[in-house]
PDB file of N, CA and C in Angstrom:
ATOM      1  N   MET A   1       7.933  -2.481  16.362  1.00  0.00           N
ATOM      2  CA  MET A   1       7.557  -3.794  16.824  1.00  0.00           C
ATOM      3  C   MET A   1       8.735  -4.741  16.655  1.00  0.00           C
ATOM      4  N   THR A   2       8.813  -5.660  17.528  1.00  0.00           N
ATOM      5  CA  THR A   2       9.782  -6.743  17.378  1.00  0.00           C
ATOM      6  C   THR A   2       9.077  -8.057  17.687  1.00  0.00           C
ATOM      7  N   PHE A   3       9.537  -9.103  17.045  1.00  0.00           N
ATOM      8  CA  PHE A   3       8.971 -10.432  17.243  1.00  0.00           C
ATOM      9  C   PHE A   3      10.122 -11.412  17.426  1.00  0.00           C
ATOM     10  N   ASN A   4       9.963 -12.312  18.356  1.00  0.00           N
ATOM     11  CA  ASN A   4      10.936 -13.389  18.521  1.00  0.00           C
ATOM     12  C   ASN A   4      10.538 -14.501  17.562  1.00  0.00           C
ATOM     13  N   THR A   5      11.246 -14.591  16.437  1.00  0.00           N
ATOM     14  CA  THR A   5      10.890 -15.554  15.401  1.00  0.00           C
ATOM     15  C   THR A   5      12.001 -16.576  15.225  1.00  0.00           C
ATOM     16  N   GLU A   6      11.619 -17.664  14.650  1.00  0.00           N
ATOM     17  CA  GLU A   6      12.572 -18.699  14.267  1.00  0.00           C
ATOM     18  C   GLU A   6      13.105 -18.347  12.872  1.00  0.00           C
ATOM     19  N   ALA A   7      14.157 -19.016  12.462  1.00  0.00           N
ATOM     20  CA  ALA A   7      14.717 -18.798  11.126  1.00  0.00           C
ATOM     21  C   ALA A   7      13.641 -19.046  10.072  1.00  0.00           C
ATOM     22  N   ASP A   8      13.509 -18.142   9.120  1.00  0.00           N
ATOM     23  CA  ASP A   8      12.564 -18.223   7.999  1.00  0.00           C
ATOM     24  C   ASP A   8      11.094 -18.162   8.410  1.00  0.00           C
ATOM     25  N   GLU A   9      10.816 -17.843   9.660  1.00  0.00           N
ATOM     26  CA  GLU A   9       9.425 -17.697  10.091  1.00  0.00           C
ATOM     27  C   GLU A   9       8.872 -16.376   9.563  1.00  0.00           C
ATOM     28  N   GLU A  10       7.620 -16.387   9.109  1.00  0.00           N
ATOM     29  CA  GLU A  10       6.997 -15.189   8.570  1.00  0.00           C
ATOM     30  C   GLU A  10       5.936 -14.674   9.535  1.00  0.00           C
ATOM     31  N   ILE A  11       5.817 -13.368   9.603  1.00  0.00           N
ATOM     32  CA  ILE A  11       4.804 -12.704  10.412  1.00  0.00           C
ATOM     33  C   ILE A  11       3.904 -11.910   9.466  1.00  0.00           C
ATOM     34  N   TYR A  12       2.610 -12.090   9.587  1.00  0.00           N
ATOM     35  CA  TYR A  12       1.651 -11.339   8.785  1.00  0.00           C
ATOM     36  C   TYR A  12       0.922 -10.367   9.704  1.00  0.00           C
ATOM     37  N   VAL A  13       0.779  -9.126   9.264  1.00  0.00           N
ATOM     38  CA  VAL A  13       0.163  -8.095  10.072  1.00  0.00           C
ATOM     39  C   VAL A  13      -0.868  -7.338   9.239  1.00  0.00           C
ATOM     40  N   LYS A  14      -2.045  -7.141   9.796  1.00  0.00           N
ATOM     41  CA  LYS A  14      -3.058  -6.282   9.184  1.00  0.00           C
ATOM     42  C   LYS A  14      -3.054  -4.974   9.965  1.00  0.00           C
ATOM     43  N   VAL A  15      -3.151  -3.865   9.248  1.00  0.00           N
ATOM     44  CA  VAL A  15      -3.089  -2.557   9.894  1.00  0.00           C
ATOM     45  C   VAL A  15      -4.297  -1.732   9.479  1.00  0.00           C
ATOM     46  N   GLY A  16      -4.963  -1.160  10.459  1.00  0.00           N
ATOM     47  CA  GLY A  16      -6.055  -0.231  10.203  1.00  0.00           C
ATOM     48  C   GLY A  16      -5.599   1.166  10.555  1.00  0.00           C
ATOM     49  N   ILE A  17      -6.037   2.152   9.780  1.00  0.00           N
ATOM     50  CA  ILE A  17      -5.604   3.525   9.988  1.00  0.00           C
ATOM     51  C   ILE A  17      -6.817   4.424  10.207  1.00  0.00           C
ATOM     52  N   SER A  18      -6.695   5.305  11.180  1.00  0.00           N
ATOM     53  CA  SER A  18      -7.685   6.349  11.422  1.00  0.00           C
ATOM     54  C   SER A  18      -6.985   7.520  12.070  1.00  0.00           C
ATOM     55  N   TYR A  19      -7.338   8.722  11.633  1.00  0.00           N
ATOM     56  CA  TYR A  19      -6.813   9.920  12.273  1.00  0.00           C
ATOM     57  C   TYR A  19      -7.661  10.318  13.474  1.00  0.00           C
ATOM     58  N   VAL A  20      -8.732   9.554  13.733  1.00  0.00           N
ATOM     59  CA  VAL A  20      -9.684   9.909  14.779  1.00  0.00           C
ATOM     60  C   VAL A  20      -9.481   9.093  16.053  1.00  0.00           C
ATOM     61  N   SER A  21      -9.464   7.764  15.909  1.00  0.00           N
ATOM     62  CA  SER A  21      -9.381   6.932  17.112  1.00  0.00           C
ATOM     63  C   SER A  21      -8.951   5.513  16.771  1.00  0.00           C
ATOM     64  N   ILE A  22      -8.552   4.803  17.784  1.00  0.00           N
ATOM     65  CA  ILE A  22      -8.213   3.384  17.635  1.00  0.00           C
ATOM     66  C   ILE A  22      -9.449   2.601  17.201  1.00  0.00           C
ATOM     67  N   GLU A  23     -10.597   2.953  17.773  1.00  0.00           N
ATOM     68  CA  GLU A  23     -11.842   2.266  17.415  1.00  0.00           C
ATOM     69  C   GLU A  23     -12.167   2.459  15.929  1.00  0.00           C
ATOM     70  N   ASN A  24     -11.985   3.669  15.435  1.00  0.00           N
ATOM     71  CA  ASN A  24     -12.233   3.911  14.004  1.00  0.00           C
ATOM     72  C   ASN A  24     -11.237   3.169  13.130  1.00  0.00           C
ATOM     73  N   ALA A  25     -10.005   3.037  13.590  1.00  0.00           N
ATOM     74  CA  ALA A  25      -9.015   2.257  12.841  1.00  0.00           C
ATOM     75  C   ALA A  25      -9.468   0.805  12.740  1.00  0.00           C
ATOM     76  N   GLN A  26      -9.972   0.263  13.839  1.00  0.00           N
ATOM     77  CA  GLN A  26     -10.481  -1.119  13.828  1.00  0.00           C
ATOM     78  C   GLN A  26     -11.669  -1.244  12.886  1.00  0.00           C
ATOM     79  N   GLU A  27     -12.582  -0.272  12.929  1.00  0.00           N
ATOM     80  CA  GLU A  27     -13.736  -0.295  12.027  1.00  0.00           C
ATOM     81  C   GLU A  27     -13.300  -0.214  10.569  1.00  0.00           C
ATOM     82  N   ASN A  28     -12.329   0.651  10.277  1.00  0.00           N
ATOM     83  CA  ASN A  28     -11.817   0.774   8.914  1.00  0.00           C
ATOM     84  C   ASN A  28     -11.198  -0.536   8.445  1.00  0.00           C
ATOM     85  N   LEU A  29     -10.433  -1.167   9.319  1.00  0.00           N
ATOM     86  CA  LEU A  29      -9.799  -2.436   8.975  1.00  0.00           C
ATOM     87  C   LEU A  29     -10.843  -3.499   8.661  1.00  0.00           C
ATOM     88  N   GLU A  30     -11.851  -3.586   9.488  1.00  0.00           N
ATOM     89  CA  GLU A  30     -12.899  -4.595   9.272  1.00  0.00           C
ATOM     90  C   GLU A  30     -13.697  -4.306   8.000  1.00  0.00           C
ATOM     91  N   ALA A  31     -13.929  -3.027   7.704  1.00  0.00           N
ATOM     92  CA  ALA A  31     -14.691  -2.665   6.508  1.00  0.00           C
ATOM     93  C   ALA A  31     -13.882  -2.874   5.230  1.00  0.00           C
ATOM     94  N   GLU A  32     -12.588  -2.536   5.284  1.00  0.00           N
ATOM     95  CA  GLU A  32     -11.760  -2.573   4.084  1.00  0.00           C
ATOM     96  C   GLU A  32     -11.118  -3.932   3.834  1.00  0.00           C
ATOM     97  N   MET A  33     -10.953  -4.730   4.889  1.00  0.00           N
ATOM     98  CA  MET A  33     -10.290  -6.015   4.733  1.00  0.00           C
ATOM     99  C   MET A  33     -10.871  -7.028   5.734  1.00  0.00           C
ATOM    100  N   PRO A  34     -12.102  -7.485   5.456  1.00  0.00           N
ATOM    101  CA  PRO A  34     -12.741  -8.396   6.418  1.00  0.00           C
ATOM    102  C   PRO A  34     -12.045  -9.749   6.534  1.00  0.00           C
ATOM    103  N   GLY A  35     -11.452 -10.229   5.473  1.00  0.00           N
ATOM    104  CA  GLY A  35     -10.703 -11.485   5.503  1.00  0.00           C
ATOM    105  C   GLY A  35      -9.237 -11.177   5.310  1.00  0.00           C
ATOM    106  N   PHE A  36      -8.430 -12.202   5.248  1.00  0.00           N
ATOM    107  CA  PHE A  36      -7.013 -11.933   5.023  1.00  0.00           C
ATOM    108  C   PHE A  36      -6.372 -13.090   4.282  1.00  0.00           C
ATOM    109  N   ASP A  37      -6.076 -12.844   3.031  1.00  0.00           N
ATOM    110  CA  ASP A  37      -5.308 -13.769   2.206  1.00  0.00           C
ATOM    111  C   ASP A  37      -4.128 -12.955   1.693  1.00  0.00           C
ATOM    112  N   PHE A  38      -2.944 -13.202   2.223  1.00  0.00           N
ATOM    113  CA  PHE A  38      -1.787 -12.367   1.941  1.00  0.00           C
ATOM    114  C   PHE A  38      -1.514 -12.261   0.446  1.00  0.00           C
ATOM    115  N   ASP A  39      -1.428 -13.378  -0.244  1.00  0.00           N
ATOM    116  CA  ASP A  39      -1.107 -13.361  -1.671  1.00  0.00           C
ATOM    117  C   ASP A  39      -2.171 -12.614  -2.475  1.00  0.00           C
ATOM    118  N   GLN A  40      -3.429 -12.820  -2.130  1.00  0.00           N
ATOM    119  CA  GLN A  40      -4.514 -12.117  -2.813  1.00  0.00           C
ATOM    120  C   GLN A  40      -4.442 -10.616  -2.528  1.00  0.00           C
ATOM    121  N   THR A  41      -4.119 -10.251  -1.311  1.00  0.00           N
ATOM    122  CA  THR A  41      -3.997  -8.839  -0.940  1.00  0.00           C
ATOM    123  C   THR A  41      -2.856  -8.178  -1.704  1.00  0.00           C
ATOM    124  N   VAL A  42      -1.723  -8.862  -1.806  1.00  0.00           N
ATOM    125  CA  VAL A  42      -0.580  -8.332  -2.555  1.00  0.00           C
ATOM    126  C   VAL A  42      -0.950  -8.153  -4.026  1.00  0.00           C
ATOM    127  N   ALA A  43      -1.587  -9.151  -4.616  1.00  0.00           N
ATOM    128  CA  ALA A  43      -1.959  -9.080  -6.031  1.00  0.00           C
ATOM    129  C   ALA A  43      -2.930  -7.930  -6.290  1.00  0.00           C
ATOM    130  N   LYS A  44      -3.916  -7.753  -5.410  1.00  0.00           N
ATOM    131  CA  LYS A  44      -4.881  -6.668  -5.580  1.00  0.00           C
ATOM    132  C   LYS A  44      -4.204  -5.314  -5.420  1.00  0.00           C
ATOM    133  N   ALA A  45      -3.331  -5.174  -4.445  1.00  0.00           N
ATOM    134  CA  ALA A  45      -2.627  -3.904  -4.240  1.00  0.00           C
ATOM    135  C   ALA A  45      -1.773  -3.566  -5.458  1.00  0.00           C
ATOM    136  N   ARG A  46      -1.071  -4.546  -5.991  1.00  0.00           N
ATOM    137  CA  ARG A  46      -0.246  -4.296  -7.186  1.00  0.00           C
ATOM    138  C   ARG A  46      -1.104  -3.884  -8.370  1.00  0.00           C
ATOM    139  N   ALA A  47      -2.223  -4.579  -8.554  1.00  0.00           N
ATOM    140  CA  ALA A  47      -3.118  -4.253  -9.676  1.00  0.00           C
ATOM    141  C   ALA A  47      -3.713  -2.857  -9.503  1.00  0.00           C
ATOM    142  N   ASP A  48      -4.128  -2.527  -8.283  1.00  0.00           N
ATOM    143  CA  ASP A  48      -4.708  -1.201  -8.024  1.00  0.00           C
ATOM    144  C   ASP A  48      -3.684  -0.098  -8.277  1.00  0.00           C
ATOM    145  N   TRP A  49      -2.441  -0.293  -7.798  1.00  0.00           N
ATOM    146  CA  TRP A  49      -1.417   0.730  -8.005  1.00  0.00           C
ATOM    147  C   TRP A  49      -0.999   0.805  -9.472  1.00  0.00           C
ATOM    148  N   GLU A  50      -0.951  -0.299 -10.152  1.00  0.00           N
ATOM    149  CA  GLU A  50      -0.621  -0.276 -11.581  1.00  0.00           C
ATOM    150  C   GLU A  50      -1.669   0.518 -12.344  1.00  0.00           C
ATOM    151  N   GLN A  51      -2.937   0.308 -12.005  1.00  0.00           N
ATOM    152  CA  GLN A  51      -4.017   1.050 -12.664  1.00  0.00           C
ATOM    153  C   GLN A  51      -3.894   2.543 -12.360  1.00  0.00           C
ATOM    154  N   ALA A  52      -3.633   2.888 -11.094  1.00  0.00           N
ATOM    155  CA  ALA A  52      -3.537   4.303 -10.710  1.00  0.00           C
ATOM    156  C   ALA A  52      -2.334   4.977 -11.359  1.00  0.00           C
ATOM    157  N   LEU A  53      -1.192   4.312 -11.341  1.00  0.00           N
ATOM    158  CA  LEU A  53       0.029   4.930 -11.849  1.00  0.00           C
ATOM    159  C   LEU A  53       0.124   4.903 -13.369  1.00  0.00           C
ATOM    160  N   SER A  54      -0.627   4.021 -14.011  1.00  0.00           N
ATOM    161  CA  SER A  54      -0.555   3.940 -15.472  1.00  0.00           C
ATOM    162  C   SER A  54      -1.500   4.934 -16.163  1.00  0.00           C
ATOM    163  N   LYS A  55      -2.184   5.760 -15.405  1.00  0.00           N
ATOM    164  CA  LYS A  55      -3.051   6.777 -16.003  1.00  0.00           C
ATOM    165  C   LYS A  55      -2.235   7.818 -16.750  1.00  0.00           C
ATOM    166  N   ILE A  56      -0.982   7.952 -16.391  1.00  0.00           N
ATOM    167  CA  ILE A  56      -0.085   8.902 -17.038  1.00  0.00           C
ATOM    168  C   ILE A  56       1.114   8.132 -17.563  1.00  0.00           C
ATOM    169  N   ALA A  57       1.404   8.268 -18.839  1.00  0.00           N
ATOM    170  CA  ALA A  57       2.569   7.621 -19.434  1.00  0.00           C
ATOM    171  C   ALA A  57       3.622   8.682 -19.726  1.00  0.00           C
ATOM    172  N   VAL A  58       4.794   8.493 -19.188  1.00  0.00           N
ATOM    173  CA  VAL A  58       5.879   9.447 -19.368  1.00  0.00           C
ATOM    174  C   VAL A  58       6.731   9.010 -20.558  1.00  0.00           C
ATOM    175  N   LYS A  59       6.989   9.942 -21.444  1.00  0.00           N
ATOM    176  CA  LYS A  59       7.891   9.686 -22.568  1.00  0.00           C
ATOM    177  C   LYS A  59       9.078  10.620 -22.417  1.00  0.00           C
ATOM    178  N   GLY A  60      10.236  10.124 -22.737  1.00  0.00           N
ATOM    179  CA  GLY A  60      11.445  10.943 -22.603  1.00  0.00           C
ATOM    180  C   GLY A  60      11.936  10.937 -21.174  1.00  0.00           C
ATOM    181  N   GLY A  61      13.001  11.677 -20.961  1.00  0.00           N
ATOM    182  CA  GLY A  61      13.585  11.731 -19.631  1.00  0.00           C
ATOM    183  C   GLY A  61      14.414  10.500 -19.336  1.00  0.00           C
ATOM    184  N   THR A  62      15.161  10.586 -18.268  1.00  0.00           N
ATOM    185  CA  THR A  62      15.995   9.457 -17.855  1.00  0.00           C
ATOM    186  C   THR A  62      15.180   8.521 -16.967  1.00  0.00           C
ATOM    187  N   GLU A  63      15.707   7.353 -16.726  1.00  0.00           N
ATOM    188  CA  GLU A  63      15.037   6.416 -15.813  1.00  0.00           C
ATOM    189  C   GLU A  63      14.938   7.026 -14.421  1.00  0.00           C
ATOM    190  N   GLU A  64      15.964   7.745 -14.011  1.00  0.00           N
ATOM    191  CA  GLU A  64      15.931   8.398 -12.694  1.00  0.00           C
ATOM    192  C   GLU A  64      14.811   9.439 -12.637  1.00  0.00           C
ATOM    193  N   GLN A  65      14.644  10.211 -13.683  1.00  0.00           N
ATOM    194  CA  GLN A  65      13.580  11.213 -13.722  1.00  0.00           C
ATOM    195  C   GLN A  65      12.199  10.551 -13.708  1.00  0.00           C
ATOM    196  N   LYS A  66      12.065   9.450 -14.421  1.00  0.00           N
ATOM    197  CA  LYS A  66      10.792   8.721 -14.407  1.00  0.00           C
ATOM    198  C   LYS A  66      10.500   8.175 -13.013  1.00  0.00           C
ATOM    199  N   THR A  67      11.524   7.666 -12.346  1.00  0.00           N
ATOM    200  CA  THR A  67      11.346   7.154 -10.985  1.00  0.00           C
ATOM    201  C   THR A  67      10.892   8.273 -10.057  1.00  0.00           C
ATOM    202  N   ILE A  68      11.504   9.435 -10.183  1.00  0.00           N
ATOM    203  CA  ILE A  68      11.114  10.583  -9.362  1.00  0.00           C
ATOM    204  C   ILE A  68       9.664  10.972  -9.646  1.00  0.00           C
ATOM    205  N   PHE A  69       9.303  11.023 -10.922  1.00  0.00           N
ATOM    206  CA  PHE A  69       7.935  11.399 -11.292  1.00  0.00           C
ATOM    207  C   PHE A  69       6.917  10.411 -10.730  1.00  0.00           C
ATOM    208  N   TYR A  70       7.129   9.108 -10.978  1.00  0.00           N
ATOM    209  CA  TYR A  70       6.151   8.117 -10.530  1.00  0.00           C
ATOM    210  C   TYR A  70       6.126   7.998  -9.010  1.00  0.00           C
ATOM    211  N   SER A  71       7.251   8.258  -8.352  1.00  0.00           N
ATOM    212  CA  SER A  71       7.252   8.287  -6.880  1.00  0.00           C
ATOM    213  C   SER A  71       6.393   9.438  -6.370  1.00  0.00           C
ATOM    214  N   ALA A  72       6.513  10.598  -7.009  1.00  0.00           N
ATOM    215  CA  ALA A  72       5.693  11.746  -6.629  1.00  0.00           C
ATOM    216  C   ALA A  72       4.215  11.465  -6.896  1.00  0.00           C
ATOM    217  N   LEU A  73       3.911  10.838  -8.021  1.00  0.00           N
ATOM    218  CA  LEU A  73       2.528  10.487  -8.340  1.00  0.00           C
ATOM    219  C   LEU A  73       1.969   9.517  -7.307  1.00  0.00           C
ATOM    220  N   TYR A  74       2.765   8.536  -6.915  1.00  0.00           N
ATOM    221  CA  TYR A  74       2.373   7.582  -5.874  1.00  0.00           C
ATOM    222  C   TYR A  74       2.069   8.316  -4.569  1.00  0.00           C
ATOM    223  N   HIS A  75       2.988   9.181  -4.137  1.00  0.00           N
ATOM    224  CA  HIS A  75       2.791   9.892  -2.881  1.00  0.00           C
ATOM    225  C   HIS A  75       1.563  10.816  -2.934  1.00  0.00           C
ATOM    226  N   MET A  76       1.327  11.411  -4.080  1.00  0.00           N
ATOM    227  CA  MET A  76       0.170  12.265  -4.237  1.00  0.00           C
ATOM    228  C   MET A  76      -1.124  11.472  -4.050  1.00  0.00           C
ATOM    229  N   GLN A  77      -1.143  10.232  -4.519  1.00  0.00           N
ATOM    230  CA  GLN A  77      -2.352   9.426  -4.440  1.00  0.00           C
ATOM    231  C   GLN A  77      -2.514   8.725  -3.099  1.00  0.00           C
ATOM    232  N   ILE A  78      -1.415   8.463  -2.424  1.00  0.00           N
ATOM    233  CA  ILE A  78      -1.509   7.760  -1.147  1.00  0.00           C
ATOM    234  C   ILE A  78      -2.032   8.680  -0.054  1.00  0.00           C
ATOM    235  N   HIS A  79      -1.759   9.982  -0.192  1.00  0.00           N
ATOM    236  CA  HIS A  79      -2.232  10.936   0.823  1.00  0.00           C
ATOM    237  C   HIS A  79      -2.550  12.272   0.171  1.00  0.00           C
ATOM    238  N   PRO A  80      -3.623  12.338  -0.602  1.00  0.00           N
ATOM    239  CA  PRO A  80      -3.949  13.586  -1.284  1.00  0.00           C
ATOM    240  C   PRO A  80      -4.407  14.663  -0.292  1.00  0.00           C
ATOM    241  N   THR A  81      -3.919  15.853  -0.502  1.00  0.00           N
ATOM    242  CA  THR A  81      -4.357  16.989   0.321  1.00  0.00           C
ATOM    243  C   THR A  81      -4.593  18.191  -0.575  1.00  0.00           C
TER     244      THR A  81
END
């Protein structure tokens, strides 16, 4: 996507996802996010991910290894199969 924006102009976008159809994506969006408050949405997402990722505390290892571990944990939870 591209937008013709002015300097410092912000664009807010809501996205619905469905592996079935565009209509189901719209239904999912309406069910999961009926309103839209950007700051509230960001705060809730951060809190939800902090809760999910803090279930496991890593001790030892380097910062790089911890980043790799928590990135893998994030990816596992964002699309579990």
